[in-house]
C-alpha atoms as a PDB file:
ATOM      1  CA  MET A   1     173.630  80.380 169.002  1.00  0.00           C
ATOM      2  CA  ALA A   2     171.899  76.976 168.993  1.00  0.00           C
ATOM      3  CA  LEU A   3     170.546  77.612 165.514  1.00  0.00           C
ATOM      4  CA  TYR A   4     174.003  78.609 164.301  1.00  0.00           C
ATOM      5  CA  ALA A   5     175.440  75.414 165.805  1.00  0.00           C
ATOM      6  CA  ILE A   6     172.878  73.397 163.844  1.00  0.00           C
ATOM      7  CA  LEU A   7     173.649  75.333 160.653  1.00  0.00           C
ATOM      8  CA  ILE A   8     177.351  74.487 160.905  1.00  0.00           C
ATOM      9  CA  GLY A   9     176.573  70.849 161.760  1.00  0.00           C
ATOM     10  CA  ASP A  10     177.582  70.927 165.437  1.00  0.00           C
ATOM     11  CA  GLN A  11     174.670  69.095 167.046  1.00  0.00           C
ATOM     12  CA  ASP A  12     176.550  68.482 170.284  1.00  0.00           C
ATOM     13  CA  GLU A  13     177.034  72.222 170.768  1.00  0.00           C
ATOM     14  CA  ALA A  14     173.376  72.864 169.915  1.00  0.00           C
ATOM     15  CA  LYS A  15     172.291  70.262 172.493  1.00  0.00           C
ATOM     16  CA  ARG A  16     174.588  71.836 175.081  1.00  0.00           C
ATOM     17  CA  ILE A  17     173.155  75.299 174.441  1.00  0.00           C
ATOM     18  CA  VAL A  18     169.531  74.143 174.507  1.00  0.00           C
ATOM     19  CA  SER A  19     170.010  72.030 177.624  1.00  0.00           C
ATOM     20  CA  GLY A  20     171.407  75.108 179.384  1.00  0.00           C
ATOM     21  CA  MET A  21     168.257  77.111 178.671  1.00  0.00           C
ATOM     22  CA  LEU A  22     165.547  77.603 181.257  1.00  0.00           C
ATOM     23  CA  PRO A  23     162.138  76.126 180.330  1.00  0.00           C
ATOM     24  CA  ASP A  24     160.664  79.534 179.445  1.00  0.00           C
ATOM     25  CA  GLU A  25     163.704  80.319 177.292  1.00  0.00           C
ATOM     26  CA  ARG A  26     163.275  77.011 175.417  1.00  0.00           C
ATOM     27  CA  ALA A  27     159.573  77.759 174.892  1.00  0.00           C
ATOM     28  CA  GLU A  28     160.375  81.225 173.530  1.00  0.00           C
ATOM     29  CA  PHE A  29     163.072  79.773 171.256  1.00  0.00           C
ATOM     30  CA  ALA A  30     160.617  77.143 169.992  1.00  0.00           C
ATOM     31  CA  GLY A  31     158.134  79.909 169.202  1.00  0.00           C
ATOM     32  CA  HIS A  32     160.753  81.722 167.144  1.00  0.00           C
ATOM     33  CA  LEU A  33     161.520  78.494 165.270  1.00  0.00           C
ATOM     34  CA  ASP A  34     157.796  78.025 164.557  1.00  0.00           C
ATOM     35  CA  ASP A  35     157.698  81.568 163.128  1.00  0.00           C
ATOM     36  CA  LEU A  36     160.731  80.820 160.968  1.00  0.00           C
ATOM     37  CA  ARG A  37     159.179  77.554 159.771  1.00  0.00           C
ATOM     38  CA  ARG A  38     156.048  79.407 158.615  1.00  0.00           C
ATOM     39  CA  LEU A  39     158.222  81.875 156.708  1.00  0.00           C
ATOM     40  CA  LEU A  40     160.011  79.046 154.907  1.00  0.00           C
ATOM     41  CA  GLY A  41     156.774  77.818 153.347  1.00  0.00           C
ATOM     42  CA  PRO A  42     154.279  75.025 153.798  1.00  0.00           C
ATOM     43  CA  VAL A  43     155.343  71.411 154.182  1.00  0.00           C
ATOM     44  CA  CYS A  44     154.438  68.873 151.510  1.00  0.00           C
ATOM     45  CA  HIS A  45     151.847  66.511 152.950  1.00  0.00           C
ATOM     46  CA  ASN A  46     153.229  63.671 150.845  1.00  0.00           C
ATOM     47  CA  CYS A  47     157.011  63.724 151.309  1.00  0.00           C
ATOM     48  CA  GLY A  48     157.461  66.186 154.192  1.00  0.00           C
ATOM     49  CA  ASN A  49     159.808  68.525 152.324  1.00  0.00           C
ATOM     50  CA  VAL A  50     159.289  72.261 152.538  1.00  0.00           C
ATOM     51  CA  THR A  51     157.519  73.377 149.384  1.00  0.00           C
ATOM     52  CA  GLU A  52     158.986  76.191 147.342  1.00  0.00           C
ATOM     53  CA  ILE A  53     157.313  79.497 148.128  1.00  0.00           C
ATOM     54  CA  GLY A  54     154.773  80.312 145.449  1.00  0.00           C
ATOM     55  CA  THR A  55     154.889  76.882 143.812  1.00  0.00           C
ATOM     56  CA  ALA A  56     152.897  74.765 146.255  1.00  0.00           C
ATOM     57  CA  THR A  57     149.687  73.305 144.917  1.00  0.00           C
ATOM     58  CA  THR A  58     146.755  71.670 146.624  1.00  0.00           C
ATOM     59  CA  ASP A  59     145.414  68.281 145.686  1.00  0.00           C
ATOM     60  CA  PRO A  60     141.840  68.852 144.484  1.00  0.00           C
ATOM     61  CA  PHE A  61     141.163  65.092 144.390  1.00  0.00           C
ATOM     62  CA  SER A  62     141.843  64.599 148.081  1.00  0.00           C
ATOM     63  CA  GLU A  63     139.059  64.598 150.680  1.00  0.00           C
ATOM     64  CA  MET A  64     141.122  67.186 152.490  1.00  0.00           C
ATOM     65  CA  CYS A  65     143.128  69.594 150.333  1.00  0.00           C
ATOM     66  CA  CYS A  66     146.806  69.558 151.198  1.00  0.00           C
ATOM     67  CA  PHE A  67     150.020  71.163 150.047  1.00  0.00           C
ATOM     68  CA  LEU A  68     152.138  69.191 147.602  1.00  0.00           C
ATOM     69  CA  CYS A  69     155.624  70.106 146.435  1.00  0.00           C
ATOM     70  CA  VAL A  70     156.194  70.395 142.699  1.00  0.00           C
ATOM     71  CA  ARG A  71     157.720  66.898 142.471  1.00  0.00           C
ATOM     72  CA  CYS A  72     154.875  65.189 144.348  1.00  0.00           C
ATOM     73  CA  ALA A  73     152.243  67.175 142.444  1.00  0.00           C
ATOM     74  CA  ALA A  74     153.799  66.085 139.134  1.00  0.00           C
ATOM     75  CA  ALA A  75     153.941  62.454 140.273  1.00  0.00           C
ATOM     76  CA  HIS A  76     150.321  62.647 141.356  1.00  0.00           C
ATOM     77  CA  ARG A  77     149.231  64.032 137.978  1.00  0.00           C
ATOM     78  CA  THR A  78     150.935  61.170 136.099  1.00  0.00           C
ATOM     79  CA  ARG A  79     149.067  58.468 138.005  1.00  0.00           C
END
């Protein structure tokens, strides 16, 4: 229900629901959100947006390869 409250823009209701959870319930809920986040795709290391599934690229010029969204990858190539 907390996720639904967030989806419809009711943050107060989401806070109320989450604050009513026991600590182990909050931890389990957080685990489910982590699973969902991984399903949504990697996060762009430049802008923080979720990259589109199947379109993320890594920066081969970086010391540490990272995921870049299409927009940030294009901006990086034009530098």
